[in-house]
Amino acid sequence: MAVYRLDMCGEMCPIPIVRTKVRLKQLAGGDILIVTTDHNCTSQSLTEAVRKLGHRVEVSEVDNGIWEIIIEKK
């Protein structure tokens, strides 16, 4: 298992979703991808999109207005 980060701060949908899906395809099962965003709507839509793909997802606000979406690839 490896942990990777993807900084999507300043990016608006659908860019974070597209880049996250591309990055997930490059990872092995069990790898963790931590996506950072500064848009609440992005954290919600990204979480929904990734869950639909079957991956495990957790979201936390790590700072005022900064969210981390922690994705474990299935």
C-alpha atoms as a PDB file:
ATOM      1  CA  MET A   1       0.000   0.000   0.000  1.00  0.00           C
ATOM      2  CA  ALA A   2       1.242   3.452  -0.913  1.00  0.00           C
ATOM      3  CA  VAL A   3      -0.116   6.919  -0.150  1.00  0.00           C
ATOM      4  CA  TYR A   4      -0.373   9.613  -2.820  1.00  0.00           C
ATOM      5  CA  ARG A   5      -1.544  13.232  -2.749  1.00  0.00           C
ATOM      6  CA  LEU A   6      -3.388  15.323  -5.305  1.00  0.00           C
ATOM      7  CA  ASP A   7      -3.764  19.074  -4.680  1.00  0.00           C
ATOM      8  CA  MET A   8      -6.899  20.418  -6.340  1.00  0.00           C
ATOM      9  CA  CYS A   9      -7.057  23.734  -4.478  1.00  0.00           C
ATOM     10  CA  GLY A  10      -8.222  26.501  -6.785  1.00  0.00           C
ATOM     11  CA  GLU A  11      -9.695  24.028  -9.294  1.00  0.00           C
ATOM     12  CA  MET A  12     -13.423  23.977 -10.057  1.00  0.00           C
ATOM     13  CA  CYS A  13     -15.548  20.985 -11.065  1.00  0.00           C
ATOM     14  CA  PRO A  14     -15.282  18.922 -13.127  1.00  0.00           C
ATOM     15  CA  ILE A  15     -11.453  19.220 -13.196  1.00  0.00           C
ATOM     16  CA  PRO A  16     -10.881  17.645  -9.724  1.00  0.00           C
ATOM     17  CA  ILE A  17     -13.166  14.708 -10.558  1.00  0.00           C
ATOM     18  CA  VAL A  18     -11.489  14.086 -13.912  1.00  0.00           C
ATOM     19  CA  ARG A  19      -7.957  14.300 -12.490  1.00  0.00           C
ATOM     20  CA  THR A  20      -8.862  12.094  -9.524  1.00  0.00           C
ATOM     21  CA  LYS A  21     -10.311   9.396 -11.785  1.00  0.00           C
ATOM     22  CA  VAL A  22      -7.199   9.488 -13.994  1.00  0.00           C
ATOM     23  CA  ARG A  23      -4.908   9.244 -10.956  1.00  0.00           C
ATOM     24  CA  LEU A  24      -6.905   6.373  -9.437  1.00  0.00           C
ATOM     25  CA  LYS A  25      -6.467   4.350 -12.638  1.00  0.00           C
ATOM     26  CA  GLN A  26      -2.703   4.548 -12.101  1.00  0.00           C
ATOM     27  CA  LEU A  27      -2.862   3.173  -8.542  1.00  0.00           C
ATOM     28  CA  ALA A  28      -2.942  -0.392  -7.250  1.00  0.00           C
ATOM     29  CA  GLY A  29      -5.761  -1.800  -5.149  1.00  0.00           C
ATOM     30  CA  GLY A  30      -5.392  -0.768  -1.514  1.00  0.00           C
ATOM     31  CA  ASP A  31      -3.426   2.397  -2.348  1.00  0.00           C
ATOM     32  CA  ILE A  32      -4.574   5.637  -0.727  1.00  0.00           C
ATOM     33  CA  LEU A  33      -5.124   8.893  -2.613  1.00  0.00           C
ATOM     34  CA  ILE A  34      -5.566  12.068  -0.560  1.00  0.00           C
ATOM     35  CA  VAL A  35      -7.187  14.852  -2.565  1.00  0.00           C
ATOM     36  CA  THR A  36      -7.063  18.372  -1.124  1.00  0.00           C
ATOM     37  CA  THR A  37      -9.642  20.951  -2.200  1.00  0.00           C
ATOM     38  CA  ASP A  38     -10.771  24.391  -1.116  1.00  0.00           C
ATOM     39  CA  HIS A  39     -14.305  24.071  -2.526  1.00  0.00           C
ATOM     40  CA  ASN A  40     -17.036  22.436  -0.443  1.00  0.00           C
ATOM     41  CA  CYS A  41     -19.073  21.610  -3.563  1.00  0.00           C
ATOM     42  CA  THR A  42     -16.032  19.836  -5.036  1.00  0.00           C
ATOM     43  CA  SER A  43     -15.588  17.749  -1.894  1.00  0.00           C
ATOM     44  CA  GLN A  44     -19.237  16.661  -2.071  1.00  0.00           C
ATOM     45  CA  SER A  45     -19.359  15.889  -5.801  1.00  0.00           C
ATOM     46  CA  LEU A  46     -15.954  14.172  -5.787  1.00  0.00           C
ATOM     47  CA  THR A  47     -16.952  11.994  -2.833  1.00  0.00           C
ATOM     48  CA  GLU A  48     -20.161  10.959  -4.574  1.00  0.00           C
ATOM     49  CA  ALA A  49     -18.386  10.184  -7.872  1.00  0.00           C
ATOM     50  CA  VAL A  50     -15.672   8.076  -6.215  1.00  0.00           C
ATOM     51  CA  ARG A  51     -18.166   6.121  -4.079  1.00  0.00           C
ATOM     52  CA  LYS A  52     -20.100   5.241  -7.241  1.00  0.00           C
ATOM     53  CA  LEU A  53     -16.891   3.667  -8.555  1.00  0.00           C
ATOM     54  CA  GLY A  54     -16.782   1.438  -5.465  1.00  0.00           C
ATOM     55  CA  HIS A  55     -13.854   3.017  -3.622  1.00  0.00           C
ATOM     56  CA  ARG A  56     -13.859   3.734   0.126  1.00  0.00           C
ATOM     57  CA  VAL A  57     -13.995   7.472   0.865  1.00  0.00           C
ATOM     58  CA  GLU A  58     -13.667   9.674   3.938  1.00  0.00           C
ATOM     59  CA  VAL A  59     -13.906  13.463   3.964  1.00  0.00           C
ATOM     60  CA  SER A  60     -12.656  15.822   6.639  1.00  0.00           C
ATOM     61  CA  GLU A  61     -12.284  19.575   6.889  1.00  0.00           C
ATOM     62  CA  VAL A  62      -8.632  19.897   7.921  1.00  0.00           C
ATOM     63  CA  ASP A  63      -8.602  23.689   8.056  1.00  0.00           C
ATOM     64  CA  ASN A  64     -11.163  26.422   7.666  1.00  0.00           C
ATOM     65  CA  GLY A  65     -12.329  25.950   4.069  1.00  0.00           C
ATOM     66  CA  ILE A  66      -9.846  23.171   3.212  1.00  0.00           C
ATOM     67  CA  TRP A  67     -11.047  19.594   2.798  1.00  0.00           C
ATOM     68  CA  GLU A  68      -9.180  16.313   2.395  1.00  0.00           C
ATOM     69  CA  ILE A  69     -10.883  13.475   0.577  1.00  0.00           C
ATOM     70  CA  ILE A  70      -9.154  10.228   1.545  1.00  0.00           C
ATOM     71  CA  ILE A  71      -9.778   7.527  -1.048  1.00  0.00           C
ATOM     72  CA  GLU A  72      -8.809   3.896  -0.684  1.00  0.00           C
ATOM     73  CA  LYS A  73      -8.752   2.258  -4.122  1.00  0.00           C
ATOM     74  CA  LYS A  74     -10.776  -0.942  -4.315  1.00  0.00           C
END
